[in-house]
Amino acid sequence: MTEKQSKELARLAYAALDDKKARDIRIIDISKVSILADYFLIASGSNRNQVQAMADNVEEEMNKAGHTARQVEGYQTANWILMDYGDIIIHIFDEENRLFYDLERIWRDGSALELADLER
């Protein structure tokens, strides 16, 4: 996948999360510090139903665009849902687990981006 395609996928995922009122959506460019992916998207929901609704919306919007998740983990418990789309990995947390795992700190060597950075 090209950088432009990765950015488009990340924008699509961001919009799907935002559509379901995700809290504190963060985009981290990890392309220079890891071979896992180009971007992590991290977002929070206030309860299990919202976290699952956010994941459902991401999956629906990605499928419409022709992208299928390689793997989805944690959907049933919905305290941390991980959605792997290859070049982007989406982490949807409940608020307690987001604070506990603190991925933003763990991946601080990556570059924090704003939505506008994906549009360049």
N, C-alpha and C. Protein backbone atom coordinates (compact mmCIF):
# COMPACT_ATOMS: atom_id res chain seq x y z
N MET A 1 0.85 -1.19 0.00
CA MET A 1 0.00 0.00 0.00
C MET A 1 0.89 1.24 0.00
N THR A 2 0.55 2.21 -0.80
CA THR A 2 1.34 3.44 -0.86
C THR A 2 1.04 4.32 0.36
N GLU A 3 1.90 5.31 0.56
CA GLU A 3 1.69 6.25 1.66
C GLU A 3 0.35 6.97 1.50
N LYS A 4 0.03 7.35 0.27
CA LYS A 4 -1.23 8.03 0.01
C LYS A 4 -2.42 7.13 0.36
N GLN A 5 -2.34 5.86 0.01
CA GLN A 5 -3.42 4.92 0.34
C GLN A 5 -3.54 4.72 1.84
N SER A 6 -2.40 4.63 2.53
CA SER A 6 -2.42 4.49 3.99
C SER A 6 -3.08 5.70 4.65
N LYS A 7 -2.74 6.89 4.16
CA LYS A 7 -3.34 8.11 4.70
C LYS A 7 -4.85 8.12 4.46
N GLU A 8 -5.27 7.71 3.28
CA GLU A 8 -6.70 7.68 2.97
C GLU A 8 -7.43 6.69 3.88
N LEU A 9 -6.83 5.55 4.11
CA LEU A 9 -7.42 4.55 5.00
C LEU A 9 -7.53 5.10 6.42
N ALA A 10 -6.49 5.78 6.87
CA ALA A 10 -6.51 6.38 8.20
C ALA A 10 -7.58 7.46 8.31
N ARG A 11 -7.74 8.28 7.27
CA ARG A 11 -8.80 9.31 7.26
C ARG A 11 -10.18 8.66 7.34
N LEU A 12 -10.36 7.59 6.59
CA LEU A 12 -11.64 6.87 6.58
C LEU A 12 -11.96 6.31 7.97
N ALA A 13 -10.97 5.70 8.59
CA ALA A 13 -11.16 5.15 9.93
C ALA A 13 -11.45 6.26 10.95
N TYR A 14 -10.72 7.37 10.83
CA TYR A 14 -10.94 8.51 11.73
C TYR A 14 -12.38 9.00 11.61
N ALA A 15 -12.86 9.16 10.39
CA ALA A 15 -14.23 9.64 10.17
C ALA A 15 -15.25 8.67 10.75
N ALA A 16 -15.00 7.38 10.59
CA ALA A 16 -15.93 6.37 11.13
C ALA A 16 -15.97 6.40 12.65
N LEU A 17 -14.82 6.61 13.27
CA LEU A 17 -14.77 6.73 14.74
C LEU A 17 -15.47 8.00 15.19
N ASP A 18 -15.17 9.09 14.53
CA ASP A 18 -15.76 10.38 14.87
C ASP A 18 -17.28 10.36 14.71
N ASP A 19 -17.75 9.65 13.72
CA ASP A 19 -19.19 9.54 13.46
C ASP A 19 -19.93 8.91 14.64
N LYS A 20 -19.23 8.06 15.39
CA LYS A 20 -19.85 7.42 16.56
C LYS A 20 -19.42 8.08 17.87
N LYS A 21 -19.01 9.33 17.76
CA LYS A 21 -18.67 10.17 18.92
C LYS A 21 -17.51 9.63 19.74
N ALA A 22 -16.50 9.08 19.07
CA ALA A 22 -15.30 8.62 19.77
C ALA A 22 -14.66 9.80 20.48
N ARG A 23 -14.09 9.51 21.62
CA ARG A 23 -13.41 10.54 22.40
C ARG A 23 -11.91 10.49 22.15
N ASP A 24 -11.31 11.65 22.10
CA ASP A 24 -9.85 11.80 22.07
C ASP A 24 -9.19 10.90 21.02
N ILE A 25 -9.58 11.08 19.76
CA ILE A 25 -9.00 10.28 18.68
C ILE A 25 -7.58 10.77 18.43
N ARG A 26 -6.64 9.84 18.49
CA ARG A 26 -5.23 10.18 18.25
C ARG A 26 -4.72 9.40 17.04
N ILE A 27 -3.89 10.05 16.27
CA ILE A 27 -3.24 9.42 15.13
C ILE A 27 -1.74 9.47 15.41
N ILE A 28 -1.10 8.31 15.35
CA ILE A 28 0.34 8.25 15.57
C ILE A 28 0.98 7.62 14.34
N ASP A 29 1.90 8.36 13.73
CA ASP A 29 2.66 7.84 12.61
C ASP A 29 3.81 7.02 13.18
N ILE A 30 3.75 5.71 13.00
CA ILE A 30 4.80 4.84 13.53
C ILE A 30 5.69 4.28 12.41
N SER A 31 5.53 4.80 11.20
CA SER A 31 6.23 4.25 10.04
C SER A 31 7.76 4.32 10.17
N LYS A 32 8.26 5.27 10.90
CA LYS A 32 9.71 5.42 11.03
C LYS A 32 10.27 4.67 12.22
N VAL A 33 9.40 4.13 13.08
CA VAL A 33 9.89 3.44 14.28
C VAL A 33 9.45 1.97 14.35
N SER A 34 8.65 1.52 13.39
CA SER A 34 8.18 0.14 13.44
C SER A 34 7.81 -0.35 12.04
N ILE A 35 7.93 -1.65 11.85
CA ILE A 35 7.48 -2.26 10.59
C ILE A 35 6.06 -2.81 10.74
N LEU A 36 5.47 -2.67 11.92
CA LEU A 36 4.11 -3.18 12.16
C LEU A 36 3.07 -2.54 11.26
N ALA A 37 3.17 -1.23 11.12
CA ALA A 37 2.15 -0.47 10.39
C ALA A 37 2.70 0.93 10.14
N ASP A 38 1.92 1.71 9.39
CA ASP A 38 2.28 3.12 9.20
C ASP A 38 1.63 4.00 10.27
N TYR A 39 0.37 3.67 10.61
CA TYR A 39 -0.38 4.52 11.53
C TYR A 39 -1.11 3.69 12.58
N PHE A 40 -1.14 4.22 13.78
CA PHE A 40 -2.04 3.75 14.84
C PHE A 40 -3.11 4.82 14.99
N LEU A 41 -4.35 4.40 15.10
CA LEU A 41 -5.42 5.29 15.52
C LEU A 41 -5.88 4.78 16.87
N ILE A 42 -6.00 5.68 17.83
CA ILE A 42 -6.40 5.32 19.18
C ILE A 42 -7.59 6.19 19.55
N ALA A 43 -8.64 5.55 20.07
CA ALA A 43 -9.85 6.29 20.43
C ALA A 43 -10.49 5.64 21.66
N SER A 44 -11.34 6.40 22.32
CA SER A 44 -12.04 5.91 23.51
C SER A 44 -13.54 6.02 23.35
N GLY A 45 -14.21 5.08 23.99
CA GLY A 45 -15.66 5.13 24.11
C GLY A 45 -16.03 5.08 25.57
N SER A 46 -17.22 5.54 25.90
CA SER A 46 -17.60 5.64 27.31
C SER A 46 -18.18 4.35 27.88
N ASN A 47 -18.60 3.42 27.02
CA ASN A 47 -19.14 2.16 27.52
C ASN A 47 -19.01 1.08 26.44
N ARG A 48 -19.30 -0.15 26.82
CA ARG A 48 -19.14 -1.31 25.93
C ARG A 48 -19.93 -1.13 24.63
N ASN A 49 -21.17 -0.67 24.73
CA ASN A 49 -21.99 -0.50 23.53
C ASN A 49 -21.39 0.51 22.56
N GLN A 50 -20.88 1.62 23.10
CA GLN A 50 -20.28 2.62 22.22
C GLN A 50 -19.00 2.09 21.58
N VAL A 51 -18.18 1.40 22.37
CA VAL A 51 -16.93 0.86 21.84
C VAL A 51 -17.23 -0.11 20.69
N GLN A 52 -18.22 -0.97 20.88
CA GLN A 52 -18.59 -1.91 19.83
C GLN A 52 -19.20 -1.20 18.63
N ALA A 53 -19.99 -0.17 18.86
CA ALA A 53 -20.59 0.59 17.76
C ALA A 53 -19.50 1.29 16.94
N MET A 54 -18.47 1.78 17.60
CA MET A 54 -17.36 2.41 16.89
C MET A 54 -16.66 1.38 16.01
N ALA A 55 -16.40 0.20 16.55
CA ALA A 55 -15.75 -0.86 15.77
C ALA A 55 -16.63 -1.29 14.60
N ASP A 56 -17.93 -1.43 14.85
CA ASP A 56 -18.85 -1.81 13.78
C ASP A 56 -18.84 -0.78 12.65
N ASN A 57 -18.82 0.49 13.02
CA ASN A 57 -18.85 1.55 12.01
C ASN A 57 -17.54 1.58 11.21
N VAL A 58 -16.42 1.38 11.89
CA VAL A 58 -15.13 1.32 11.18
C VAL A 58 -15.17 0.17 10.18
N GLU A 59 -15.61 -0.99 10.65
CA GLU A 59 -15.66 -2.16 9.76
C GLU A 59 -16.57 -1.93 8.56
N GLU A 60 -17.73 -1.33 8.81
CA GLU A 60 -18.68 -1.07 7.73
C GLU A 60 -18.10 -0.10 6.69
N GLU A 61 -17.52 1.00 7.18
CA GLU A 61 -16.96 1.99 6.25
C GLU A 61 -15.75 1.45 5.49
N MET A 62 -14.92 0.69 6.17
CA MET A 62 -13.76 0.10 5.50
C MET A 62 -14.21 -0.92 4.44
N ASN A 63 -15.21 -1.74 4.78
CA ASN A 63 -15.73 -2.71 3.81
C ASN A 63 -16.28 -2.02 2.57
N LYS A 64 -17.01 -0.90 2.79
CA LYS A 64 -17.54 -0.14 1.66
C LYS A 64 -16.43 0.32 0.73
N ALA A 65 -15.27 0.63 1.31
CA ALA A 65 -14.13 1.12 0.53
C ALA A 65 -13.27 -0.05 0.01
N GLY A 66 -13.70 -1.28 0.28
CA GLY A 66 -12.99 -2.44 -0.26
C GLY A 66 -11.87 -2.97 0.61
N HIS A 67 -11.87 -2.62 1.90
CA HIS A 67 -10.81 -3.07 2.82
C HIS A 67 -11.41 -3.96 3.90
N THR A 68 -10.78 -5.10 4.10
CA THR A 68 -11.22 -6.04 5.12
C THR A 68 -10.15 -6.14 6.19
N ALA A 69 -10.57 -6.20 7.44
CA ALA A 69 -9.61 -6.33 8.53
C ALA A 69 -8.90 -7.68 8.45
N ARG A 70 -7.61 -7.65 8.66
CA ARG A 70 -6.84 -8.90 8.73
C ARG A 70 -7.22 -9.65 10.00
N GLN A 71 -7.47 -8.87 11.04
CA GLN A 71 -7.79 -9.47 12.33
C GLN A 71 -8.49 -8.44 13.19
N VAL A 72 -9.44 -8.92 13.99
CA VAL A 72 -10.11 -8.09 14.99
C VAL A 72 -10.06 -8.86 16.31
N GLU A 73 -9.57 -8.21 17.34
CA GLU A 73 -9.45 -8.84 18.66
C GLU A 73 -10.21 -8.02 19.69
N GLY A 74 -10.81 -8.69 20.66
CA GLY A 74 -11.39 -8.02 21.81
C GLY A 74 -12.81 -7.52 21.64
N TYR A 75 -13.48 -7.89 20.56
CA TYR A 75 -14.82 -7.33 20.31
C TYR A 75 -15.82 -7.73 21.40
N GLN A 76 -15.78 -8.97 21.84
CA GLN A 76 -16.78 -9.44 22.81
C GLN A 76 -16.69 -8.69 24.15
N THR A 77 -15.49 -8.54 24.67
CA THR A 77 -15.34 -7.85 25.95
C THR A 77 -15.43 -6.34 25.79
N ALA A 78 -14.95 -5.84 24.65
CA ALA A 78 -15.04 -4.43 24.27
C ALA A 78 -14.37 -3.48 25.26
N ASN A 79 -13.35 -3.96 25.98
CA ASN A 79 -12.58 -3.00 26.77
C ASN A 79 -11.36 -2.51 25.99
N TRP A 80 -10.94 -3.30 24.97
CA TRP A 80 -9.92 -2.89 24.04
C TRP A 80 -10.13 -3.70 22.76
N ILE A 81 -10.59 -3.04 21.73
CA ILE A 81 -10.76 -3.70 20.44
C ILE A 81 -9.62 -3.27 19.54
N LEU A 82 -8.92 -4.25 18.99
CA LEU A 82 -7.83 -3.98 18.07
C LEU A 82 -8.29 -4.43 16.69
N MET A 83 -8.16 -3.54 15.71
CA MET A 83 -8.55 -3.83 14.34
C MET A 83 -7.32 -3.62 13.45
N ASP A 84 -6.86 -4.70 12.83
CA ASP A 84 -5.65 -4.66 12.02
C ASP A 84 -6.01 -4.60 10.54
N TYR A 85 -5.71 -3.46 9.93
CA TYR A 85 -5.93 -3.28 8.50
C TYR A 85 -4.60 -3.20 7.75
N GLY A 86 -3.59 -3.85 8.29
CA GLY A 86 -2.28 -3.86 7.63
C GLY A 86 -1.49 -2.61 7.93
N ASP A 87 -1.59 -1.62 7.09
CA ASP A 87 -0.82 -0.39 7.27
C ASP A 87 -1.40 0.54 8.34
N ILE A 88 -2.62 0.28 8.75
CA ILE A 88 -3.16 1.03 9.89
C ILE A 88 -3.73 0.04 10.89
N ILE A 89 -3.52 0.35 12.15
CA ILE A 89 -4.05 -0.46 13.24
C ILE A 89 -4.87 0.46 14.13
N ILE A 90 -6.08 0.03 14.40
CA ILE A 90 -7.02 0.86 15.17
C ILE A 90 -7.21 0.24 16.54
N HIS A 91 -7.05 1.06 17.56
CA HIS A 91 -7.24 0.64 18.94
C HIS A 91 -8.42 1.42 19.50
N ILE A 92 -9.46 0.71 19.90
CA ILE A 92 -10.64 1.35 20.49
C ILE A 92 -10.75 0.85 21.92
N PHE A 93 -10.66 1.78 22.85
CA PHE A 93 -10.63 1.44 24.27
C PHE A 93 -11.86 1.96 25.00
N ASP A 94 -12.16 1.31 26.15
CA ASP A 94 -12.97 2.00 27.13
C ASP A 94 -11.99 2.92 27.87
N GLU A 95 -12.50 3.88 28.60
CA GLU A 95 -11.62 4.91 29.16
C GLU A 95 -10.63 4.35 30.18
N GLU A 96 -11.07 3.41 31.00
CA GLU A 96 -10.20 2.84 32.03
C GLU A 96 -9.01 2.10 31.42
N ASN A 97 -9.26 1.28 30.43
CA ASN A 97 -8.18 0.52 29.81
C ASN A 97 -7.26 1.41 28.98
N ARG A 98 -7.79 2.47 28.40
CA ARG A 98 -6.91 3.38 27.66
C ARG A 98 -5.89 4.01 28.59
N LEU A 99 -6.35 4.43 29.76
CA LEU A 99 -5.43 5.00 30.74
C LEU A 99 -4.41 3.97 31.20
N PHE A 100 -4.88 2.74 31.43
CA PHE A 100 -4.01 1.69 31.94
C PHE A 100 -2.92 1.33 30.94
N TYR A 101 -3.28 1.10 29.68
CA TYR A 101 -2.30 0.66 28.68
C TYR A 101 -1.49 1.80 28.09
N ASP A 102 -2.03 3.00 28.05
CA ASP A 102 -1.31 4.22 27.67
C ASP A 102 -0.43 4.04 26.42
N LEU A 103 -1.06 3.63 25.32
CA LEU A 103 -0.31 3.41 24.08
C LEU A 103 0.39 4.67 23.58
N GLU A 104 -0.20 5.82 23.86
CA GLU A 104 0.44 7.06 23.43
C GLU A 104 1.84 7.20 24.04
N ARG A 105 1.99 6.79 25.29
CA ARG A 105 3.29 6.85 25.95
C ARG A 105 4.23 5.79 25.38
N ILE A 106 3.72 4.58 25.21
CA ILE A 106 4.53 3.48 24.70
C ILE A 106 5.08 3.80 23.30
N TRP A 107 4.25 4.44 22.48
CA TRP A 107 4.64 4.76 21.10
C TRP A 107 5.03 6.22 20.93
N ARG A 108 5.57 6.82 21.97
CA ARG A 108 5.92 8.25 21.92
C ARG A 108 7.03 8.55 20.92
N ASP A 109 7.76 7.53 20.47
CA ASP A 109 8.78 7.75 19.44
C ASP A 109 8.15 7.99 18.07
N GLY A 110 6.88 7.63 17.93
CA GLY A 110 6.15 7.93 16.70
C GLY A 110 5.78 9.41 16.68
N SER A 111 5.24 9.85 15.57
CA SER A 111 4.86 11.26 15.44
C SER A 111 3.35 11.42 15.61
N ALA A 112 2.95 12.24 16.56
CA ALA A 112 1.52 12.54 16.73
C ALA A 112 1.08 13.41 15.57
N LEU A 113 -0.02 13.04 14.94
CA LEU A 113 -0.53 13.77 13.79
C LEU A 113 -1.92 14.31 14.09
N GLU A 114 -2.27 15.33 13.36
CA GLU A 114 -3.64 15.84 13.35
C GLU A 114 -4.31 15.32 12.08
N LEU A 115 -5.63 15.38 12.05
CA LEU A 115 -6.36 14.92 10.87
C LEU A 115 -5.87 15.65 9.61
N ALA A 116 -5.59 16.93 9.74
CA ALA A 116 -5.14 17.73 8.59
C ALA A 116 -3.82 17.20 8.01
N ASP A 117 -2.98 16.58 8.86
CA ASP A 117 -1.72 16.03 8.38
C ASP A 117 -1.93 14.88 7.40
N LEU A 118 -3.05 14.20 7.53
CA LEU A 118 -3.36 13.08 6.62
C LEU A 118 -3.87 13.57 5.27
N GLU A 119 -4.19 14.84 5.21
CA GLU A 119 -4.77 15.39 3.97
C GLU A 119 -3.69 16.01 3.08
N ARG A 120 -2.46 15.89 3.47
CA ARG A 120 -1.34 16.46 2.69
C ARG A 120 -0.80 15.42 1.74
